[in-house]
């Protein structure tokens, strides 16, 4: 697959009956749910789970999300969703990117981006990333200059 960045963390997804809207394609809200699902899976694969977030009283929260819906997907289309961490200030903010490719024609059907901010769970306020977060997440960064396109 032609990914936008190297070292993609991937997850296969297939639209089911409940994912299809009145236009007979995958509802846009489903793509957002898939991005959340792969974001958590990636974080857990890196070694930071919800339990770790609670233990540190910190979380990476979505401050802004952007989704470019490029092509429709249909019931039972085989898709692969990828994600990367692409930038961070190492203190408070981080960026996560997404790309969804349809297997049958290798077309990119969605690109997305989250701007994340580290928050203190107990107060909801922005707070500096704990060392465990910066060590794990910064080591996983794929820099924009590494873009595969």
C-alpha atoms as a PDB file:
ATOM      1  CA  UNK A   1       0.000   0.000   0.000  1.00  0.00           C
ATOM      2  CA  UNK A   2       1.165   3.497  -0.751  1.00  0.00           C
ATOM      3  CA  UNK A   3       1.179   5.166   2.657  1.00  0.00           C
ATOM      4  CA  UNK A   4       1.721   8.870   3.194  1.00  0.00           C
ATOM      5  CA  UNK A   5       4.385   8.145   5.827  1.00  0.00           C
ATOM      6  CA  UNK A   6       6.664   5.201   6.615  1.00  0.00           C
ATOM      7  CA  UNK A   7       6.155   2.734   9.464  1.00  0.00           C
ATOM      8  CA  UNK A   8       2.374   2.791   9.398  1.00  0.00           C
ATOM      9  CA  UNK A   9       0.475   1.313  12.331  1.00  0.00           C
ATOM     10  CA  UNK A  10      -2.434  -0.379  10.572  1.00  0.00           C
ATOM     11  CA  UNK A  11      -5.815  -1.864  11.306  1.00  0.00           C
ATOM     12  CA  UNK A  12      -8.087  -3.688   8.836  1.00  0.00           C
ATOM     13  CA  UNK A  13     -11.685  -2.433   8.815  1.00  0.00           C
ATOM     14  CA  UNK A  14     -14.767  -3.490   6.845  1.00  0.00           C
ATOM     15  CA  UNK A  15     -18.037  -1.523   6.771  1.00  0.00           C
ATOM     16  CA  UNK A  16     -20.948  -3.557   8.144  1.00  0.00           C
ATOM     17  CA  UNK A  17     -24.708  -3.045   7.656  1.00  0.00           C
ATOM     18  CA  UNK A  18     -24.977  -0.639  10.626  1.00  0.00           C
ATOM     19  CA  UNK A  19     -22.163   1.510   9.165  1.00  0.00           C
ATOM     20  CA  UNK A  20     -24.042   2.267   5.926  1.00  0.00           C
ATOM     21  CA  UNK A  21     -26.164   5.423   5.698  1.00  0.00           C
ATOM     22  CA  UNK A  22     -29.084   6.480   3.504  1.00  0.00           C
ATOM     23  CA  UNK A  23     -26.718   7.254   0.621  1.00  0.00           C
ATOM     24  CA  UNK A  24     -25.606   3.592   0.623  1.00  0.00           C
ATOM     25  CA  UNK A  25     -22.055   4.348   1.681  1.00  0.00           C
ATOM     26  CA  UNK A  26     -20.147   4.321   4.955  1.00  0.00           C
ATOM     27  CA  UNK A  27     -21.394   7.073   7.231  1.00  0.00           C
ATOM     28  CA  UNK A  28     -18.766   9.728   7.956  1.00  0.00           C
ATOM     29  CA  UNK A  29     -19.207   9.246  11.719  1.00  0.00           C
ATOM     30  CA  UNK A  30     -17.990   5.657  11.321  1.00  0.00           C
ATOM     31  CA  UNK A  31     -14.641   6.876   9.981  1.00  0.00           C
ATOM     32  CA  UNK A  32     -14.267   9.065  13.089  1.00  0.00           C
ATOM     33  CA  UNK A  33     -14.972   6.041  15.305  1.00  0.00           C
ATOM     34  CA  UNK A  34     -12.399   3.990  13.398  1.00  0.00           C
ATOM     35  CA  UNK A  35      -9.811   6.751  13.898  1.00  0.00           C
ATOM     36  CA  UNK A  36     -10.496   6.707  17.630  1.00  0.00           C
ATOM     37  CA  UNK A  37     -10.191   2.914  17.656  1.00  0.00           C
ATOM     38  CA  UNK A  38      -6.827   2.885  15.870  1.00  0.00           C
ATOM     39  CA  UNK A  39      -5.540   5.807  17.947  1.00  0.00           C
ATOM     40  CA  UNK A  40      -6.110   3.821  21.133  1.00  0.00           C
ATOM     41  CA  UNK A  41      -4.723   0.631  19.591  1.00  0.00           C
ATOM     42  CA  UNK A  42      -1.568   2.463  18.513  1.00  0.00           C
ATOM     43  CA  UNK A  43      -1.090   4.046  21.922  1.00  0.00           C
ATOM     44  CA  UNK A  44      -1.530   0.675  23.621  1.00  0.00           C
ATOM     45  CA  UNK A  45       0.916  -0.969  21.198  1.00  0.00           C
ATOM     46  CA  UNK A  46       3.434   1.721  22.149  1.00  0.00           C
ATOM     47  CA  UNK A  47       2.883   0.880  25.824  1.00  0.00           C
ATOM     48  CA  UNK A  48       0.451   3.568  27.018  1.00  0.00           C
ATOM     49  CA  UNK A  49      -3.079   2.396  27.831  1.00  0.00           C
ATOM     50  CA  UNK A  50      -6.055   4.003  29.509  1.00  0.00           C
ATOM     51  CA  UNK A  51      -4.806   2.537  32.812  1.00  0.00           C
ATOM     52  CA  UNK A  52      -1.494   4.379  32.306  1.00  0.00           C
ATOM     53  CA  UNK A  53      -3.372   7.593  31.544  1.00  0.00           C
ATOM     54  CA  UNK A  54      -5.317   7.228  34.792  1.00  0.00           C
ATOM     55  CA  UNK A  55      -2.187   6.384  36.802  1.00  0.00           C
ATOM     56  CA  UNK A  56      -0.433   9.531  35.527  1.00  0.00           C
ATOM     57  CA  UNK A  57      -3.610  11.675  35.769  1.00  0.00           C
ATOM     58  CA  UNK A  58      -2.907  12.739  32.195  1.00  0.00           C
ATOM     59  CA  UNK A  59      -4.387  12.097  28.766  1.00  0.00           C
ATOM     60  CA  UNK A  60      -3.813  13.165  25.206  1.00  0.00           C
ATOM     61  CA  UNK A  61      -7.146  14.759  24.290  1.00  0.00           C
ATOM     62  CA  UNK A  62      -8.317  15.762  20.829  1.00  0.00           C
ATOM     63  CA  UNK A  63      -8.305  19.545  20.549  1.00  0.00           C
ATOM     64  CA  UNK A  64      -9.131  19.585  16.854  1.00  0.00           C
ATOM     65  CA  UNK A  65      -9.976  16.948  14.276  1.00  0.00           C
ATOM     66  CA  UNK A  66      -9.960  17.294  10.481  1.00  0.00           C
ATOM     67  CA  UNK A  67     -11.177  14.672   8.048  1.00  0.00           C
ATOM     68  CA  UNK A  68     -10.971  14.761   4.259  1.00  0.00           C
ATOM     69  CA  UNK A  69     -13.542  12.326   2.860  1.00  0.00           C
ATOM     70  CA  UNK A  70     -12.072  11.663  -0.578  1.00  0.00           C
ATOM     71  CA  UNK A  71     -14.090   8.712  -1.906  1.00  0.00           C
ATOM     72  CA  UNK A  72     -17.047   6.680  -0.638  1.00  0.00           C
ATOM     73  CA  UNK A  73     -16.736   3.164   0.711  1.00  0.00           C
ATOM     74  CA  UNK A  74     -19.432   0.535   0.497  1.00  0.00           C
ATOM     75  CA  UNK A  75     -20.763  -2.383   2.471  1.00  0.00           C
ATOM     76  CA  UNK A  76     -18.081  -5.075   2.895  1.00  0.00           C
ATOM     77  CA  UNK A  77     -15.294  -3.058   1.221  1.00  0.00           C
ATOM     78  CA  UNK A  78     -11.971  -4.282   2.584  1.00  0.00           C
ATOM     79  CA  UNK A  79     -10.105  -1.281   3.967  1.00  0.00           C
ATOM     80  CA  UNK A  80      -6.881  -0.655   5.846  1.00  0.00           C
ATOM     81  CA  UNK A  81      -6.596   2.278   8.225  1.00  0.00           C
ATOM     82  CA  UNK A  82      -3.171   3.624   9.166  1.00  0.00           C
ATOM     83  CA  UNK A  83      -1.995   6.123  11.756  1.00  0.00           C
ATOM     84  CA  UNK A  84       1.182   7.961  12.668  1.00  0.00           C
ATOM     85  CA  UNK A  85       2.361  10.461  15.246  1.00  0.00           C
ATOM     86  CA  UNK A  86       3.830  13.226  13.115  1.00  0.00           C
ATOM     87  CA  UNK A  87       4.812  16.096  15.401  1.00  0.00           C
ATOM     88  CA  UNK A  88       4.995  17.256  18.985  1.00  0.00           C
ATOM     89  CA  UNK A  89       6.381  20.140  20.962  1.00  0.00           C
ATOM     90  CA  UNK A  90       7.532  17.547  23.511  1.00  0.00           C
ATOM     91  CA  UNK A  91       5.651  19.343  26.264  1.00  0.00           C
ATOM     92  CA  UNK A  92       1.953  19.821  25.648  1.00  0.00           C
ATOM     93  CA  UNK A  93       0.877  19.100  22.069  1.00  0.00           C
ATOM     94  CA  UNK A  94       1.060  16.326  19.529  1.00  0.00           C
ATOM     95  CA  UNK A  95      -0.291  15.616  16.041  1.00  0.00           C
ATOM     96  CA  UNK A  96      -1.711  12.301  14.821  1.00  0.00           C
ATOM     97  CA  UNK A  97      -2.408  11.576  11.129  1.00  0.00           C
ATOM     98  CA  UNK A  98      -4.669   8.981   9.516  1.00  0.00           C
ATOM     99  CA  UNK A  99      -5.016   7.445   6.058  1.00  0.00           C
ATOM    100  CA  UNK A 100      -7.636   4.926   4.918  1.00  0.00           C
ATOM    101  CA  UNK A 101      -6.975   2.831   1.796  1.00  0.00           C
ATOM    102  CA  UNK A 102      -9.497   0.676  -0.066  1.00  0.00           C
ATOM    103  CA  UNK A 103      -7.928  -2.707  -0.858  1.00  0.00           C
ATOM    104  CA  UNK A 104      -9.590  -3.443  -4.236  1.00  0.00           C
ATOM    105  CA  UNK A 105      -8.146  -0.386  -6.035  1.00  0.00           C
ATOM    106  CA  UNK A 106      -5.546   0.908  -3.531  1.00  0.00           C
ATOM    107  CA  UNK A 107      -7.345   4.260  -3.462  1.00  0.00           C
ATOM    108  CA  UNK A 108      -6.947   6.551  -0.486  1.00  0.00           C
ATOM    109  CA  UNK A 109     -10.518   7.223   0.613  1.00  0.00           C
ATOM    110  CA  UNK A 110      -9.856   9.311   3.733  1.00  0.00           C
ATOM    111  CA  UNK A 111      -7.135  11.380   5.318  1.00  0.00           C
ATOM    112  CA  UNK A 112      -7.424  12.792   8.795  1.00  0.00           C
ATOM    113  CA  UNK A 113      -5.522  14.750  11.375  1.00  0.00           C
ATOM    114  CA  UNK A 114      -5.881  15.319  15.099  1.00  0.00           C
ATOM    115  CA  UNK A 115      -4.295  18.091  17.102  1.00  0.00           C
ATOM    116  CA  UNK A 116      -3.879  16.666  20.591  1.00  0.00           C
ATOM    117  CA  UNK A 117      -3.193  18.382  23.889  1.00  0.00           C
ATOM    118  CA  UNK A 118      -2.080  16.812  27.138  1.00  0.00           C
ATOM    119  CA  UNK A 119      -4.631  17.344  29.893  1.00  0.00           C
ATOM    120  CA  UNK A 120      -4.785  16.572  33.577  1.00  0.00           C
ATOM    121  CA  UNK A 121      -7.660  14.106  33.952  1.00  0.00           C
ATOM    122  CA  UNK A 122      -8.634  15.312  37.432  1.00  0.00           C
ATOM    123  CA  UNK A 123      -9.083  18.943  36.356  1.00  0.00           C
ATOM    124  CA  UNK A 124      -9.493  18.829  32.549  1.00  0.00           C
ATOM    125  CA  UNK A 125      -6.824  21.516  32.222  1.00  0.00           C
ATOM    126  CA  UNK A 126      -3.874  21.481  29.875  1.00  0.00           C
ATOM    127  CA  UNK A 127      -0.756  20.181  31.606  1.00  0.00           C
ATOM    128  CA  UNK A 128       2.739  19.164  30.569  1.00  0.00           C
ATOM    129  CA  UNK A 129       3.195  15.585  29.370  1.00  0.00           C
ATOM    130  CA  UNK A 130       4.671  13.321  32.027  1.00  0.00           C
ATOM    131  CA  UNK A 131       8.090  11.849  31.168  1.00  0.00           C
ATOM    132  CA  UNK A 132       6.497   8.462  30.365  1.00  0.00           C
ATOM    133  CA  UNK A 133       4.365  10.099  27.649  1.00  0.00           C
ATOM    134  CA  UNK A 134       7.144  12.124  26.069  1.00  0.00           C
ATOM    135  CA  UNK A 135       9.555   9.159  26.097  1.00  0.00           C
ATOM    136  CA  UNK A 136       7.080   6.828  24.391  1.00  0.00           C
ATOM    137  CA  UNK A 137       5.366   9.209  22.006  1.00  0.00           C
ATOM    138  CA  UNK A 138       8.427  11.170  20.883  1.00  0.00           C
ATOM    139  CA  UNK A 139      10.263   7.921  20.096  1.00  0.00           C
ATOM    140  CA  UNK A 140       7.357   6.937  17.805  1.00  0.00           C
ATOM    141  CA  UNK A 141       7.293  10.207  15.834  1.00  0.00           C
ATOM    142  CA  UNK A 142       7.434  10.045  12.071  1.00  0.00           C
ATOM    143  CA  UNK A 143       8.750  13.376  10.891  1.00  0.00           C
ATOM    144  CA  UNK A 144       7.080  15.189   7.959  1.00  0.00           C
ATOM    145  CA  UNK A 145      10.362  15.060   6.025  1.00  0.00           C
ATOM    146  CA  UNK A 146       9.993  11.263   6.034  1.00  0.00           C
ATOM    147  CA  UNK A 147       6.773  11.485   4.004  1.00  0.00           C
ATOM    148  CA  UNK A 148       6.602   8.604   1.553  1.00  0.00           C
ATOM    149  CA  UNK A 149       4.861  10.536  -1.257  1.00  0.00           C
END
